[in-house]
Amino acid sequence: MIERMSNHAVNTDDQLVEQYLGLESMEVTETLLDVCGATVDARVLPLLTQRLQEEEAQVPRLHARGYVRLREKSEQMVAALTTLIAALEADGHEEER
């Protein structure tokens, strides 16, 4: 019973943090992550791959609608995700050795 209550509190906390970070500026979010010691590693690859596919699908739609700035931002996201995924995959392969 105590464990279930504890898990519920963690889930509620996670939701509150997610809601807060969704409203916060990127600079503050980066500072919070630095303070908390957050790291990104190969465990996040499935999520990053999904986001990459979503952004890649978004680019032609934005282009067709004439949304130049949004398309450029989406293209930048694709480039950043591609580079990050490649780096994490390389790190993962090095750790396996």
N, C-alpha and C. Protein backbone atom coordinates (compact mmCIF):
# COMPACT_ATOMS: atom_id res chain seq x y z
N MET A 1 0.82 -1.19 0.00
CA MET A 1 0.00 0.00 0.00
C MET A 1 0.87 1.26 0.00
N ILE A 2 1.89 1.27 0.84
CA ILE A 2 2.78 2.43 0.92
C ILE A 2 3.53 2.60 -0.40
N GLU A 3 3.95 1.46 -0.99
CA GLU A 3 4.66 1.52 -2.26
C GLU A 3 3.78 2.10 -3.35
N ARG A 4 2.51 1.70 -3.38
CA ARG A 4 1.58 2.22 -4.38
C ARG A 4 1.38 3.72 -4.19
N MET A 5 1.26 4.16 -2.96
CA MET A 5 1.12 5.58 -2.68
C MET A 5 2.37 6.34 -3.11
N SER A 6 3.53 5.75 -2.87
CA SER A 6 4.79 6.36 -3.24
C SER A 6 4.89 6.48 -4.76
N ASN A 7 4.50 5.41 -5.48
CA ASN A 7 4.52 5.45 -6.94
C ASN A 7 3.57 6.51 -7.48
N HIS A 8 2.40 6.64 -6.84
CA HIS A 8 1.44 7.66 -7.26
C HIS A 8 2.03 9.06 -7.07
N ALA A 9 2.73 9.26 -5.96
CA ALA A 9 3.35 10.57 -5.70
C ALA A 9 4.41 10.87 -6.75
N VAL A 10 5.19 9.87 -7.14
CA VAL A 10 6.21 10.06 -8.16
C VAL A 10 5.56 10.41 -9.49
N ASN A 11 4.49 9.68 -9.87
CA ASN A 11 3.80 9.98 -11.12
C ASN A 11 3.23 11.38 -11.11
N THR A 12 2.65 11.80 -9.99
CA THR A 12 2.11 13.15 -9.88
C THR A 12 3.23 14.17 -9.99
N ASP A 13 4.34 13.92 -9.32
CA ASP A 13 5.48 14.83 -9.40
C ASP A 13 5.98 14.93 -10.83
N ASP A 14 6.08 13.79 -11.52
CA ASP A 14 6.54 13.78 -12.91
C ASP A 14 5.61 14.61 -13.79
N GLN A 15 4.32 14.49 -13.57
CA GLN A 15 3.36 15.26 -14.36
C GLN A 15 3.50 16.75 -14.09
N LEU A 16 3.69 17.10 -12.82
CA LEU A 16 3.86 18.51 -12.47
C LEU A 16 5.13 19.09 -13.07
N VAL A 17 6.21 18.32 -13.02
CA VAL A 17 7.47 18.77 -13.61
C VAL A 17 7.32 18.93 -15.11
N GLU A 18 6.68 17.95 -15.76
CA GLU A 18 6.48 18.01 -17.20
C GLU A 18 5.66 19.24 -17.59
N GLN A 19 4.60 19.50 -16.84
CA GLN A 19 3.77 20.67 -17.10
C GLN A 19 4.57 21.96 -16.93
N TYR A 20 5.35 22.03 -15.87
CA TYR A 20 6.17 23.21 -15.61
C TYR A 20 7.20 23.42 -16.72
N LEU A 21 7.92 22.36 -17.08
CA LEU A 21 8.96 22.49 -18.10
C LEU A 21 8.38 22.86 -19.46
N GLY A 22 7.16 22.41 -19.72
CA GLY A 22 6.51 22.77 -20.97
C GLY A 22 6.23 24.26 -21.08
N LEU A 23 6.16 24.94 -19.97
CA LEU A 23 5.89 26.37 -19.95
C LEU A 23 7.15 27.21 -19.77
N GLU A 24 8.22 26.58 -19.32
CA GLU A 24 9.45 27.29 -18.99
C GLU A 24 10.27 27.57 -20.25
N SER A 25 11.15 28.56 -20.17
CA SER A 25 12.05 28.86 -21.27
C SER A 25 13.14 27.78 -21.37
N MET A 26 13.74 27.68 -22.53
CA MET A 26 14.79 26.68 -22.75
C MET A 26 16.00 26.94 -21.86
N GLU A 27 16.34 28.19 -21.64
CA GLU A 27 17.51 28.50 -20.82
C GLU A 27 17.33 28.00 -19.39
N VAL A 28 16.16 28.21 -18.85
CA VAL A 28 15.89 27.75 -17.48
C VAL A 28 15.86 26.23 -17.44
N THR A 29 15.27 25.62 -18.44
CA THR A 29 15.21 24.16 -18.50
C THR A 29 16.62 23.58 -18.54
N GLU A 30 17.50 24.18 -19.35
CA GLU A 30 18.88 23.70 -19.43
C GLU A 30 19.58 23.85 -18.07
N THR A 31 19.35 24.94 -17.39
CA THR A 31 19.95 25.16 -16.07
C THR A 31 19.46 24.10 -15.09
N LEU A 32 18.16 23.85 -15.10
CA LEU A 32 17.60 22.83 -14.20
C LEU A 32 18.22 21.45 -14.49
N LEU A 33 18.38 21.12 -15.75
CA LEU A 33 18.97 19.84 -16.10
C LEU A 33 20.43 19.77 -15.67
N ASP A 34 21.16 20.87 -15.83
CA ASP A 34 22.55 20.90 -15.38
C ASP A 34 22.65 20.69 -13.87
N VAL A 35 21.79 21.35 -13.13
CA VAL A 35 21.81 21.25 -11.67
C VAL A 35 21.45 19.84 -11.21
N CYS A 36 20.50 19.23 -11.89
CA CYS A 36 20.04 17.89 -11.50
C CYS A 36 20.94 16.77 -12.02
N GLY A 37 21.91 17.13 -12.84
CA GLY A 37 22.82 16.11 -13.35
C GLY A 37 22.21 15.19 -14.38
N ALA A 38 21.24 15.67 -15.13
CA ALA A 38 20.59 14.84 -16.15
C ALA A 38 21.57 14.52 -17.27
N THR A 39 21.47 13.31 -17.76
CA THR A 39 22.30 12.89 -18.88
C THR A 39 21.43 12.26 -19.95
N VAL A 40 21.92 12.28 -21.16
CA VAL A 40 21.24 11.64 -22.28
C VAL A 40 22.16 10.53 -22.75
N ASP A 41 21.61 9.32 -22.82
CA ASP A 41 22.41 8.20 -23.31
C ASP A 41 21.56 7.33 -24.22
N ALA A 42 22.06 6.17 -24.56
CA ALA A 42 21.43 5.29 -25.54
C ALA A 42 20.02 4.87 -25.15
N ARG A 43 19.67 4.97 -23.88
CA ARG A 43 18.31 4.60 -23.45
C ARG A 43 17.24 5.46 -24.11
N VAL A 44 17.60 6.64 -24.55
CA VAL A 44 16.64 7.57 -25.13
C VAL A 44 16.52 7.41 -26.65
N LEU A 45 17.30 6.51 -27.24
CA LEU A 45 17.30 6.35 -28.70
C LEU A 45 15.91 6.09 -29.28
N PRO A 46 15.09 5.22 -28.71
CA PRO A 46 13.77 5.01 -29.31
C PRO A 46 12.93 6.30 -29.36
N LEU A 47 12.98 7.08 -28.32
CA LEU A 47 12.24 8.34 -28.30
C LEU A 47 12.79 9.32 -29.33
N LEU A 48 14.11 9.43 -29.40
CA LEU A 48 14.72 10.34 -30.37
C LEU A 48 14.43 9.90 -31.79
N THR A 49 14.45 8.62 -32.04
CA THR A 49 14.15 8.10 -33.37
C THR A 49 12.71 8.42 -33.76
N GLN A 50 11.81 8.27 -32.81
CA GLN A 50 10.40 8.60 -33.05
C GLN A 50 10.25 10.09 -33.38
N ARG A 51 10.91 10.94 -32.59
CA ARG A 51 10.84 12.39 -32.84
C ARG A 51 11.44 12.74 -34.19
N LEU A 52 12.52 12.06 -34.58
CA LEU A 52 13.12 12.30 -35.88
C LEU A 52 12.13 11.98 -36.99
N GLN A 53 11.47 10.85 -36.89
CA GLN A 53 10.49 10.47 -37.91
C GLN A 53 9.35 11.48 -37.97
N GLU A 54 8.89 11.96 -36.83
CA GLU A 54 7.82 12.95 -36.79
C GLU A 54 8.25 14.25 -37.47
N GLU A 55 9.45 14.69 -37.16
CA GLU A 55 9.95 15.94 -37.75
C GLU A 55 10.18 15.79 -39.25
N GLU A 56 10.73 14.65 -39.66
CA GLU A 56 10.95 14.43 -41.09
C GLU A 56 9.63 14.44 -41.86
N ALA A 57 8.59 13.90 -41.27
CA ALA A 57 7.27 13.90 -41.91
C ALA A 57 6.68 15.31 -41.93
N GLN A 58 7.04 16.13 -40.98
CA GLN A 58 6.50 17.48 -40.87
C GLN A 58 7.06 18.42 -41.93
N VAL A 59 8.30 18.24 -42.33
CA VAL A 59 8.97 19.17 -43.24
C VAL A 59 8.20 19.35 -44.55
N PRO A 60 7.83 18.27 -45.27
CA PRO A 60 7.11 18.48 -46.53
C PRO A 60 5.75 19.17 -46.35
N ARG A 61 5.07 18.87 -45.24
CA ARG A 61 3.77 19.50 -44.98
C ARG A 61 3.93 21.00 -44.76
N LEU A 62 4.95 21.37 -44.01
CA LEU A 62 5.19 22.79 -43.76
C LEU A 62 5.60 23.50 -45.05
N HIS A 63 6.40 22.83 -45.86
CA HIS A 63 6.83 23.39 -47.14
C HIS A 63 5.62 23.61 -48.05
N ALA A 64 4.73 22.61 -48.12
CA ALA A 64 3.55 22.70 -48.98
C ALA A 64 2.63 23.84 -48.57
N ARG A 65 2.60 24.14 -47.29
CA ARG A 65 1.72 25.21 -46.78
C ARG A 65 2.40 26.58 -46.81
N GLY A 66 3.68 26.60 -47.16
CA GLY A 66 4.40 27.86 -47.24
C GLY A 66 4.88 28.41 -45.92
N TYR A 67 4.95 27.57 -44.90
CA TYR A 67 5.43 27.99 -43.58
C TYR A 67 6.96 27.91 -43.55
N VAL A 68 7.60 28.95 -44.05
CA VAL A 68 9.05 28.93 -44.23
C VAL A 68 9.79 28.81 -42.91
N ARG A 69 9.49 29.65 -41.95
CA ARG A 69 10.22 29.62 -40.67
C ARG A 69 10.00 28.32 -39.91
N LEU A 70 8.76 27.84 -39.88
CA LEU A 70 8.49 26.57 -39.20
C LEU A 70 9.19 25.41 -39.90
N ARG A 71 9.24 25.45 -41.24
CA ARG A 71 9.93 24.41 -41.98
C ARG A 71 11.43 24.44 -41.67
N GLU A 72 12.00 25.64 -41.63
CA GLU A 72 13.42 25.77 -41.31
C GLU A 72 13.72 25.24 -39.92
N LYS A 73 12.86 25.56 -38.96
CA LYS A 73 13.04 25.06 -37.60
C LYS A 73 12.95 23.54 -37.57
N SER A 74 12.01 22.99 -38.31
CA SER A 74 11.85 21.54 -38.37
C SER A 74 13.07 20.89 -39.02
N GLU A 75 13.60 21.52 -40.06
CA GLU A 75 14.81 21.01 -40.71
C GLU A 75 16.00 21.05 -39.75
N GLN A 76 16.08 22.10 -38.95
CA GLN A 76 17.15 22.18 -37.96
C GLN A 76 17.00 21.07 -36.92
N MET A 77 15.76 20.79 -36.53
CA MET A 77 15.50 19.72 -35.58
C MET A 77 15.92 18.38 -36.17
N VAL A 78 15.62 18.15 -37.44
CA VAL A 78 16.01 16.90 -38.11
C VAL A 78 17.53 16.76 -38.10
N ALA A 79 18.22 17.84 -38.44
CA ALA A 79 19.69 17.80 -38.46
C ALA A 79 20.25 17.53 -37.07
N ALA A 80 19.70 18.20 -36.05
CA ALA A 80 20.19 18.01 -34.68
C ALA A 80 19.91 16.60 -34.19
N LEU A 81 18.71 16.10 -34.46
CA LEU A 81 18.36 14.74 -34.03
C LEU A 81 19.21 13.70 -34.73
N THR A 82 19.44 13.89 -36.02
CA THR A 82 20.26 12.94 -36.78
C THR A 82 21.66 12.86 -36.19
N THR A 83 22.24 14.01 -35.91
CA THR A 83 23.59 14.05 -35.33
C THR A 83 23.62 13.43 -33.94
N LEU A 84 22.64 13.78 -33.11
CA LEU A 84 22.58 13.24 -31.75
C LEU A 84 22.38 11.73 -31.75
N ILE A 85 21.49 11.23 -32.58
CA ILE A 85 21.25 9.79 -32.67
C ILE A 85 22.51 9.07 -33.10
N ALA A 86 23.19 9.60 -34.11
CA ALA A 86 24.43 8.97 -34.58
C ALA A 86 25.49 8.93 -33.47
N ALA A 87 25.60 10.01 -32.72
CA ALA A 87 26.59 10.06 -31.63
C ALA A 87 26.23 9.07 -30.53
N LEU A 88 24.97 8.99 -30.17
CA LEU A 88 24.55 8.06 -29.11
C LEU A 88 24.72 6.62 -29.57
N GLU A 89 24.43 6.34 -30.82
CA GLU A 89 24.62 4.98 -31.34
C GLU A 89 26.10 4.61 -31.33
N ALA A 90 26.95 5.56 -31.70
CA ALA A 90 28.40 5.31 -31.68
C ALA A 90 28.88 5.06 -30.26
N ASP A 91 28.39 5.85 -29.31
CA ASP A 91 28.76 5.65 -27.91
C ASP A 91 28.29 4.29 -27.41
N GLY A 92 27.10 3.90 -27.82
CA GLY A 92 26.55 2.60 -27.42
C GLY A 92 27.38 1.44 -27.94
N HIS A 93 27.87 1.58 -29.17
CA HIS A 93 28.69 0.52 -29.74
C HIS A 93 30.05 0.44 -29.07
N GLU A 94 30.59 1.60 -28.66
CA GLU A 94 31.88 1.63 -27.95
C GLU A 94 31.75 0.97 -26.57
N GLU A 95 30.62 1.19 -25.91
CA GLU A 95 30.42 0.61 -24.59
C GLU A 95 30.28 -0.92 -24.66
N GLU A 96 29.76 -1.42 -25.77
CA GLU A 96 29.58 -2.86 -25.95
C GLU A 96 30.91 -3.58 -26.06
N ARG A 97 31.93 -2.88 -26.52
CA ARG A 97 33.25 -3.51 -26.74
C ARG A 97 33.93 -3.79 -25.47
